[in-house]
Amino acid sequence: MKVLAVIPAYNEEGSIVNVINDLCENAPAVDILVINDGSIDNTATICKENPNCLLIDMPFNVGLAFAVQTGFRYASEHDYDYAFQFDGDGQHRAVYISDMVAESQKGFDIVIGSRFVEEKRPVSLRTFGSMLISATMRLTAGIKIKDPTSGLRLYNKKLLHEYAKNINYEPEPDTLAYLARKGVCIKEIQVTMDEREFGMSYFNAGKTIKYMTKMCFSILFVQWFRKREI
């Protein structure tokens, strides 16, 4: 069984070594692929010098969606059975990878590492937005996802091929809702995530509101016009 961790990384020089070390220690059978998304710091140099990871060095910043798709295309072309989307900022823990693979082997196409399966959401603007997205997903797709914005996700071979070939398959909640309506089996398992140690999160209050509004609108309206060809 071949498993690949796809790590989109933009200016993660402070955390990328710890992320790679965590994967090597707690998921030693997993191959590691860093997608350096046009970083202007030393992320690429650090990864090039690290023998424990592969590197795809994008010529400029292409954004999360295309970076992840690039990793999934690599996984599909190299016949991996599973691939993870795994953050480069140190928030995700490799110790959960084996549990997520085991869950997928029960018949699930996508397994999400969720902070809120067994624990309550904290009160914040982001968690309120997450609740709205969860509600729209349940309304339109009939699926209950408690942590729809989690970036810790496993995809099986069938979904890797699909994500690799479809440019509009962004790794976002609206695509999850769309795929759930089309019969893709999705499961959440409880995980714990760490706080970012270095750098700054992309999301401030304004961007959070914009993102949540975009996702809810897409789930409620846009996704009905998509067609699944595979």
C-alpha atoms as a PDB file:
ATOM      1  CA  MET A   1       0.000   0.000   0.000  1.00  0.00           C
ATOM      2  CA  LYS A   2       1.380   3.381  -1.081  1.00  0.00           C
ATOM      3  CA  VAL A   3       0.472   6.530   0.860  1.00  0.00           C
ATOM      4  CA  LEU A   4       1.580  10.064   0.052  1.00  0.00           C
ATOM      5  CA  ALA A   5       1.444  13.175   2.238  1.00  0.00           C
ATOM      6  CA  VAL A   6       0.928  16.239   0.050  1.00  0.00           C
ATOM      7  CA  ILE A   7       2.115  19.386   1.831  1.00  0.00           C
ATOM      8  CA  PRO A   8       1.312  22.712   0.155  1.00  0.00           C
ATOM      9  CA  ALA A   9       3.775  25.196   1.603  1.00  0.00           C
ATOM     10  CA  TYR A  10       4.024  28.959   1.267  1.00  0.00           C
ATOM     11  CA  ASN A  11       6.683  30.675   3.400  1.00  0.00           C
ATOM     12  CA  GLU A  12       6.845  27.854   5.952  1.00  0.00           C
ATOM     13  CA  GLU A  13      10.587  27.906   6.662  1.00  0.00           C
ATOM     14  CA  GLY A  14       9.956  28.059  10.398  1.00  0.00           C
ATOM     15  CA  SER A  15       7.793  24.948  10.582  1.00  0.00           C
ATOM     16  CA  ILE A  16       8.433  22.717   7.560  1.00  0.00           C
ATOM     17  CA  VAL A  17      11.318  20.766   9.141  1.00  0.00           C
ATOM     18  CA  ASN A  18       9.195  19.900  12.184  1.00  0.00           C
ATOM     19  CA  VAL A  19       6.347  18.830   9.906  1.00  0.00           C
ATOM     20  CA  ILE A  20       8.612  16.521   7.914  1.00  0.00           C
ATOM     21  CA  ASN A  21      10.165  15.118  11.100  1.00  0.00           C
ATOM     22  CA  ASP A  22       6.728  14.456  12.570  1.00  0.00           C
ATOM     23  CA  LEU A  23       5.742  12.479   9.473  1.00  0.00           C
ATOM     24  CA  CYS A  24       9.000  10.531   9.480  1.00  0.00           C
ATOM     25  CA  GLU A  25       8.612   9.646  13.164  1.00  0.00           C
ATOM     26  CA  ASN A  26       4.878   8.913  13.362  1.00  0.00           C
ATOM     27  CA  ALA A  27       4.107   7.766   9.803  1.00  0.00           C
ATOM     28  CA  PRO A  28       7.392   6.295   8.536  1.00  0.00           C
ATOM     29  CA  ALA A  29       5.775   4.343   5.683  1.00  0.00           C
ATOM     30  CA  VAL A  30       4.288   7.502   4.166  1.00  0.00           C
ATOM     31  CA  ASP A  31       6.087   9.290   1.337  1.00  0.00           C
ATOM     32  CA  ILE A  32       6.329  13.061   1.695  1.00  0.00           C
ATOM     33  CA  LEU A  33       5.809  15.541  -1.145  1.00  0.00           C
ATOM     34  CA  VAL A  34       6.161  19.265  -0.495  1.00  0.00           C
ATOM     35  CA  ILE A  35       4.613  21.620  -3.035  1.00  0.00           C
ATOM     36  CA  ASN A  36       6.552  24.846  -2.595  1.00  0.00           C
ATOM     37  CA  ASP A  37       3.991  27.410  -3.713  1.00  0.00           C
ATOM     38  CA  GLY A  38       6.272  30.229  -4.787  1.00  0.00           C
ATOM     39  CA  SER A  39       7.654  30.901  -1.320  1.00  0.00           C
ATOM     40  CA  ILE A  40       9.897  33.943  -0.966  1.00  0.00           C
ATOM     41  CA  ASP A  41      11.667  32.575   2.118  1.00  0.00           C
ATOM     42  CA  ASN A  42      13.918  29.504   2.478  1.00  0.00           C
ATOM     43  CA  THR A  43      11.175  26.847   2.293  1.00  0.00           C
ATOM     44  CA  ALA A  44      12.383  25.448  -1.050  1.00  0.00           C
ATOM     45  CA  THR A  45      16.047  25.366  -0.035  1.00  0.00           C
ATOM     46  CA  ILE A  46      15.252  23.577   3.216  1.00  0.00           C
ATOM     47  CA  CYS A  47      13.222  20.916   1.393  1.00  0.00           C
ATOM     48  CA  LYS A  48      15.811  20.439  -1.356  1.00  0.00           C
ATOM     49  CA  GLU A  49      18.408  19.682   1.310  1.00  0.00           C
ATOM     50  CA  ASN A  50      16.143  17.304   3.232  1.00  0.00           C
ATOM     51  CA  PRO A  51      16.539  13.669   2.102  1.00  0.00           C
ATOM     52  CA  ASN A  52      13.221  12.666   3.654  1.00  0.00           C
ATOM     53  CA  CYS A  53      10.949  14.538   1.255  1.00  0.00           C
ATOM     54  CA  LEU A  54      10.258  15.088  -2.423  1.00  0.00           C
ATOM     55  CA  LEU A  55       9.817  18.625  -3.703  1.00  0.00           C
ATOM     56  CA  ILE A  56       7.849  20.227  -6.499  1.00  0.00           C
ATOM     57  CA  ASP A  57       8.960  23.848  -6.733  1.00  0.00           C
ATOM     58  CA  MET A  58       6.267  26.032  -8.314  1.00  0.00           C
ATOM     59  CA  PRO A  59       7.691  29.037 -10.230  1.00  0.00           C
ATOM     60  CA  PHE A  60       5.278  31.449  -8.564  1.00  0.00           C
ATOM     61  CA  ASN A  61       2.437  31.459  -6.040  1.00  0.00           C
ATOM     62  CA  VAL A  62      -0.431  29.518  -7.621  1.00  0.00           C
ATOM     63  CA  GLY A  63      -2.643  29.215  -4.532  1.00  0.00           C
ATOM     64  CA  LEU A  64      -3.747  26.338  -2.350  1.00  0.00           C
ATOM     65  CA  ALA A  65      -6.150  24.707  -4.813  1.00  0.00           C
ATOM     66  CA  PHE A  66      -3.653  24.325  -7.656  1.00  0.00           C
ATOM     67  CA  ALA A  67      -0.836  23.349  -5.288  1.00  0.00           C
ATOM     68  CA  VAL A  68      -2.927  20.535  -3.794  1.00  0.00           C
ATOM     69  CA  GLN A  69      -4.104  19.427  -7.219  1.00  0.00           C
ATOM     70  CA  THR A  70      -0.484  19.271  -8.377  1.00  0.00           C
ATOM     71  CA  GLY A  71       0.271  16.909  -5.498  1.00  0.00           C
ATOM     72  CA  PHE A  72      -2.767  14.767  -6.239  1.00  0.00           C
ATOM     73  CA  ARG A  73      -1.799  14.576  -9.901  1.00  0.00           C
ATOM     74  CA  TYR A  74       1.611  13.320  -8.821  1.00  0.00           C
ATOM     75  CA  ALA A  75      -0.049  10.731  -6.562  1.00  0.00           C
ATOM     76  CA  SER A  76      -2.366   9.592  -9.359  1.00  0.00           C
ATOM     77  CA  GLU A  77       0.426   9.331 -11.921  1.00  0.00           C
ATOM     78  CA  HIS A  78       2.624   7.381  -9.505  1.00  0.00           C
ATOM     79  CA  ASP A  79      -0.123   4.926  -8.542  1.00  0.00           C
ATOM     80  CA  TYR A  80      -0.564   5.837  -4.881  1.00  0.00           C
ATOM     81  CA  ASP A  81      -3.444   4.168  -3.043  1.00  0.00           C
ATOM     82  CA  TYR A  82      -4.047   7.163  -0.754  1.00  0.00           C
ATOM     83  CA  ALA A  83      -2.910  10.745  -0.449  1.00  0.00           C
ATOM     84  CA  PHE A  84      -3.250  13.218   2.387  1.00  0.00           C
ATOM     85  CA  GLN A  85      -3.636  16.937   2.279  1.00  0.00           C
ATOM     86  CA  PHE A  86      -1.353  17.891   5.163  1.00  0.00           C
ATOM     87  CA  ASP A  87      -0.636  21.473   6.231  1.00  0.00           C
ATOM     88  CA  GLY A  88       2.908  22.804   6.309  1.00  0.00           C
ATOM     89  CA  ASP A  89       2.358  25.107   9.293  1.00  0.00           C
ATOM     90  CA  GLY A  90       2.618  22.423  11.977  1.00  0.00           C
ATOM     91  CA  GLN A  91      -1.060  22.275  12.943  1.00  0.00           C
ATOM     92  CA  HIS A  92      -1.641  18.700  11.772  1.00  0.00           C
ATOM     93  CA  ARG A  93      -0.347  15.598  13.546  1.00  0.00           C
ATOM     94  CA  ALA A  94       0.970  12.614  11.604  1.00  0.00           C
ATOM     95  CA  VAL A  95      -0.058  10.225  14.373  1.00  0.00           C
ATOM     96  CA  TYR A  96      -3.611  10.181  12.970  1.00  0.00           C
ATOM     97  CA  ILE A  97      -2.655   9.004   9.493  1.00  0.00           C
ATOM     98  CA  SER A  98      -2.890   5.284  10.247  1.00  0.00           C
ATOM     99  CA  ASP A  99      -6.343   5.699  11.796  1.00  0.00           C
ATOM    100  CA  MET A 100      -7.577   7.646   8.776  1.00  0.00           C
ATOM    101  CA  VAL A 101      -6.249   5.040   6.348  1.00  0.00           C
ATOM    102  CA  ALA A 102      -7.916   2.283   8.383  1.00  0.00           C
ATOM    103  CA  GLU A 103     -11.209   4.204   8.260  1.00  0.00           C
ATOM    104  CA  SER A 104     -10.973   4.649   4.508  1.00  0.00           C
ATOM    105  CA  GLN A 105     -10.446   0.906   4.094  1.00  0.00           C
ATOM    106  CA  LYS A 106     -13.936   0.405   5.528  1.00  0.00           C
ATOM    107  CA  GLY A 107     -15.352   1.898   2.334  1.00  0.00           C
ATOM    108  CA  PHE A 108     -14.944   5.664   2.641  1.00  0.00           C
ATOM    109  CA  ASP A 109     -13.594   7.703  -0.258  1.00  0.00           C
ATOM    110  CA  ILE A 110     -12.638  10.748   1.828  1.00  0.00           C
ATOM    111  CA  VAL A 111     -11.728  10.810   5.518  1.00  0.00           C
ATOM    112  CA  ILE A 112     -11.548  14.149   7.321  1.00  0.00           C
ATOM    113  CA  GLY A 113      -9.541  14.768  10.454  1.00  0.00           C
ATOM    114  CA  SER A 114     -12.103  16.710  12.489  1.00  0.00           C
ATOM    115  CA  ARG A 115     -11.646  18.802  15.607  1.00  0.00           C
ATOM    116  CA  PHE A 116     -15.325  18.618  16.515  1.00  0.00           C
ATOM    117  CA  VAL A 117     -16.584  15.036  16.255  1.00  0.00           C
ATOM    118  CA  GLU A 118     -16.377  14.572  20.013  1.00  0.00           C
ATOM    119  CA  GLU A 119     -15.430  18.062  21.186  1.00  0.00           C
ATOM    120  CA  LYS A 120     -17.467  21.256  21.109  1.00  0.00           C
ATOM    121  CA  ARG A 121     -16.581  24.129  18.837  1.00  0.00           C
ATOM    122  CA  PRO A 122     -15.097  27.139  20.615  1.00  0.00           C
ATOM    123  CA  VAL A 123     -16.955  30.417  20.240  1.00  0.00           C
ATOM    124  CA  SER A 124     -15.409  32.542  17.481  1.00  0.00           C
ATOM    125  CA  LEU A 125     -16.205  34.120  14.141  1.00  0.00           C
ATOM    126  CA  ARG A 126     -14.510  31.261  12.296  1.00  0.00           C
ATOM    127  CA  THR A 127     -16.386  28.528  14.136  1.00  0.00           C
ATOM    128  CA  PHE A 128     -19.677  30.369  13.571  1.00  0.00           C
ATOM    129  CA  GLY A 129     -18.877  30.410   9.873  1.00  0.00           C
ATOM    130  CA  SER A 130     -17.973  26.738  10.025  1.00  0.00           C
ATOM    131  CA  MET A 131     -21.370  26.001  11.568  1.00  0.00           C
ATOM    132  CA  LEU A 132     -23.095  27.846   8.702  1.00  0.00           C
ATOM    133  CA  ILE A 133     -21.158  25.836   6.149  1.00  0.00           C
ATOM    134  CA  SER A 134     -22.047  22.604   7.983  1.00  0.00           C
ATOM    135  CA  ALA A 135     -25.715  23.597   7.918  1.00  0.00           C
ATOM    136  CA  THR A 136     -25.696  24.321   4.187  1.00  0.00           C
ATOM    137  CA  MET A 137     -23.951  21.016   3.483  1.00  0.00           C
ATOM    138  CA  ARG A 138     -26.538  19.131   5.504  1.00  0.00           C
ATOM    139  CA  LEU A 139     -29.376  20.993   3.779  1.00  0.00           C
ATOM    140  CA  THR A 140     -28.160  20.407   0.226  1.00  0.00           C
ATOM    141  CA  ALA A 141     -26.221  17.130   0.440  1.00  0.00           C
ATOM    142  CA  GLY A 142     -27.759  15.428   3.463  1.00  0.00           C
ATOM    143  CA  ILE A 143     -24.358  14.949   5.065  1.00  0.00           C
ATOM    144  CA  LYS A 144     -23.336  16.017   8.546  1.00  0.00           C
ATOM    145  CA  ILE A 145     -19.779  17.358   8.538  1.00  0.00           C
ATOM    146  CA  LYS A 146     -18.823  19.051  11.792  1.00  0.00           C
ATOM    147  CA  ASP A 147     -15.465  20.420  10.655  1.00  0.00           C
ATOM    148  CA  PRO A 148     -15.911  21.245   6.954  1.00  0.00           C
ATOM    149  CA  THR A 149     -12.915  23.607   6.801  1.00  0.00           C
ATOM    150  CA  SER A 150     -10.409  21.083   8.174  1.00  0.00           C
ATOM    151  CA  GLY A 151      -7.400  20.809   5.887  1.00  0.00           C
ATOM    152  CA  LEU A 152      -6.438  17.348   7.143  1.00  0.00           C
ATOM    153  CA  ARG A 153      -8.038  15.034   4.593  1.00  0.00           C
ATOM    154  CA  LEU A 154      -7.334  11.625   3.111  1.00  0.00           C
ATOM    155  CA  TYR A 155      -8.439  10.683  -0.418  1.00  0.00           C
ATOM    156  CA  ASN A 156      -8.509   7.187  -1.895  1.00  0.00           C
ATOM    157  CA  LYS A 157      -7.201   6.282  -5.355  1.00  0.00           C
ATOM    158  CA  LYS A 158     -10.523   6.856  -7.106  1.00  0.00           C
ATOM    159  CA  LEU A 159     -10.832  10.388  -5.740  1.00  0.00           C
ATOM    160  CA  LEU A 160      -7.168  11.152  -6.407  1.00  0.00           C
ATOM    161  CA  HIS A 161      -7.715  10.420 -10.076  1.00  0.00           C
ATOM    162  CA  GLU A 162     -10.813  12.599 -10.084  1.00  0.00           C
ATOM    163  CA  TYR A 163      -9.151  15.540  -8.356  1.00  0.00           C
ATOM    164  CA  ALA A 164      -6.113  15.262 -10.635  1.00  0.00           C
ATOM    165  CA  LYS A 165      -8.198  15.521 -13.798  1.00  0.00           C
ATOM    166  CA  ASN A 166     -10.725  18.209 -12.836  1.00  0.00           C
ATOM    167  CA  ILE A 167      -9.446  21.756 -12.533  1.00  0.00           C
ATOM    168  CA  ASN A 168     -12.519  22.977 -10.627  1.00  0.00           C
ATOM    169  CA  TYR A 169     -12.088  20.446  -7.800  1.00  0.00           C
ATOM    170  CA  GLU A 170     -10.770  22.825  -5.181  1.00  0.00           C
ATOM    171  CA  PRO A 171     -10.026  21.275  -1.754  1.00  0.00           C
ATOM    172  CA  GLU A 172     -12.873  23.244  -0.191  1.00  0.00           C
ATOM    173  CA  PRO A 173     -16.202  22.487   1.562  1.00  0.00           C
ATOM    174  CA  ASP A 174     -18.278  23.240  -1.549  1.00  0.00           C
ATOM    175  CA  THR A 175     -16.525  20.430  -3.437  1.00  0.00           C
ATOM    176  CA  LEU A 176     -17.142  18.086  -0.505  1.00  0.00           C
ATOM    177  CA  ALA A 177     -20.846  18.962  -0.609  1.00  0.00           C
ATOM    178  CA  TYR A 178     -20.959  18.423  -4.352  1.00  0.00           C
ATOM    179  CA  LEU A 179     -19.234  15.032  -4.153  1.00  0.00           C
ATOM    180  CA  ALA A 180     -21.448  13.923  -1.267  1.00  0.00           C
ATOM    181  CA  ARG A 181     -24.532  14.635  -3.408  1.00  0.00           C
ATOM    182  CA  LYS A 182     -22.953  12.539  -6.159  1.00  0.00           C
ATOM    183  CA  GLY A 183     -22.527   9.502  -3.925  1.00  0.00           C
ATOM    184  CA  VAL A 184     -18.986   9.896  -2.567  1.00  0.00           C
ATOM    185  CA  CYS A 185     -18.679   8.413   0.927  1.00  0.00           C
ATOM    186  CA  ILE A 186     -17.161  10.827   3.465  1.00  0.00           C
ATOM    187  CA  LYS A 187     -16.268  10.148   7.094  1.00  0.00           C
ATOM    188  CA  GLU A 188     -14.886  12.279   9.943  1.00  0.00           C
ATOM    189  CA  ILE A 189     -12.699  11.071  12.782  1.00  0.00           C
ATOM    190  CA  GLN A 190     -11.730  13.031  15.882  1.00  0.00           C
ATOM    191  CA  VAL A 191      -8.255  14.575  15.877  1.00  0.00           C
ATOM    192  CA  THR A 192      -6.406  17.241  17.824  1.00  0.00           C
ATOM    193  CA  MET A 193      -4.690  20.077  16.003  1.00  0.00           C
ATOM    194  CA  ASP A 194      -1.915  22.305  17.258  1.00  0.00           C
ATOM    195  CA  GLU A 195      -1.655  26.064  17.036  1.00  0.00           C
ATOM    196  CA  ARG A 196       0.515  27.565  14.336  1.00  0.00           C
ATOM    197  CA  GLU A 197       3.983  28.249  15.795  1.00  0.00           C
ATOM    198  CA  PHE A 198       5.439  30.415  13.032  1.00  0.00           C
ATOM    199  CA  GLY A 199       4.091  32.868  10.496  1.00  0.00           C
ATOM    200  CA  MET A 200       0.589  34.282  10.300  1.00  0.00           C
ATOM    201  CA  SER A 201      -2.719  32.775   9.286  1.00  0.00           C
ATOM    202  CA  TYR A 202      -4.194  33.944   5.993  1.00  0.00           C
ATOM    203  CA  PHE A 203      -7.565  34.550   7.627  1.00  0.00           C
ATOM    204  CA  ASN A 204      -8.397  37.800   9.371  1.00  0.00           C
ATOM    205  CA  ALA A 205     -11.964  38.838  10.231  1.00  0.00           C
ATOM    206  CA  GLY A 206     -12.704  40.302   6.811  1.00  0.00           C
ATOM    207  CA  LYS A 207     -11.276  37.373   4.875  1.00  0.00           C
ATOM    208  CA  THR A 208     -13.077  34.925   7.154  1.00  0.00           C
ATOM    209  CA  ILE A 209     -16.453  36.519   6.443  1.00  0.00           C
ATOM    210  CA  LYS A 210     -15.720  36.649   2.707  1.00  0.00           C
ATOM    211  CA  TYR A 211     -14.635  33.012   2.625  1.00  0.00           C
ATOM    212  CA  MET A 212     -17.598  31.708   4.608  1.00  0.00           C
ATOM    213  CA  THR A 213     -20.049  33.701   2.487  1.00  0.00           C
ATOM    214  CA  LYS A 214     -18.469  32.398  -0.712  1.00  0.00           C
ATOM    215  CA  MET A 215     -18.619  28.791   0.484  1.00  0.00           C
ATOM    216  CA  CYS A 216     -22.254  28.987   1.608  1.00  0.00           C
ATOM    217  CA  PHE A 217     -23.326  30.634  -1.663  1.00  0.00           C
ATOM    218  CA  SER A 218     -21.440  28.033  -3.692  1.00  0.00           C
ATOM    219  CA  ILE A 219     -22.944  25.108  -1.764  1.00  0.00           C
ATOM    220  CA  LEU A 220     -26.483  26.492  -1.941  1.00  0.00           C
ATOM    221  CA  PHE A 221     -26.472  27.569  -5.580  1.00  0.00           C
ATOM    222  CA  VAL A 222     -23.373  27.016  -7.725  1.00  0.00           C
ATOM    223  CA  GLN A 223     -22.811  23.304  -7.065  1.00  0.00           C
ATOM    224  CA  TRP A 224     -26.137  22.311  -8.596  1.00  0.00           C
ATOM    225  CA  PHE A 225     -24.799  23.230 -12.045  1.00  0.00           C
ATOM    226  CA  ARG A 226     -21.694  21.048 -11.892  1.00  0.00           C
ATOM    227  CA  LYS A 227     -21.476  17.695 -13.628  1.00  0.00           C
ATOM    228  CA  ARG A 228     -19.452  14.739 -12.458  1.00  0.00           C
ATOM    229  CA  GLU A 229     -17.835  13.086 -15.468  1.00  0.00           C
ATOM    230  CA  ILE A 230     -15.944  10.287 -13.712  1.00  0.00           C
END
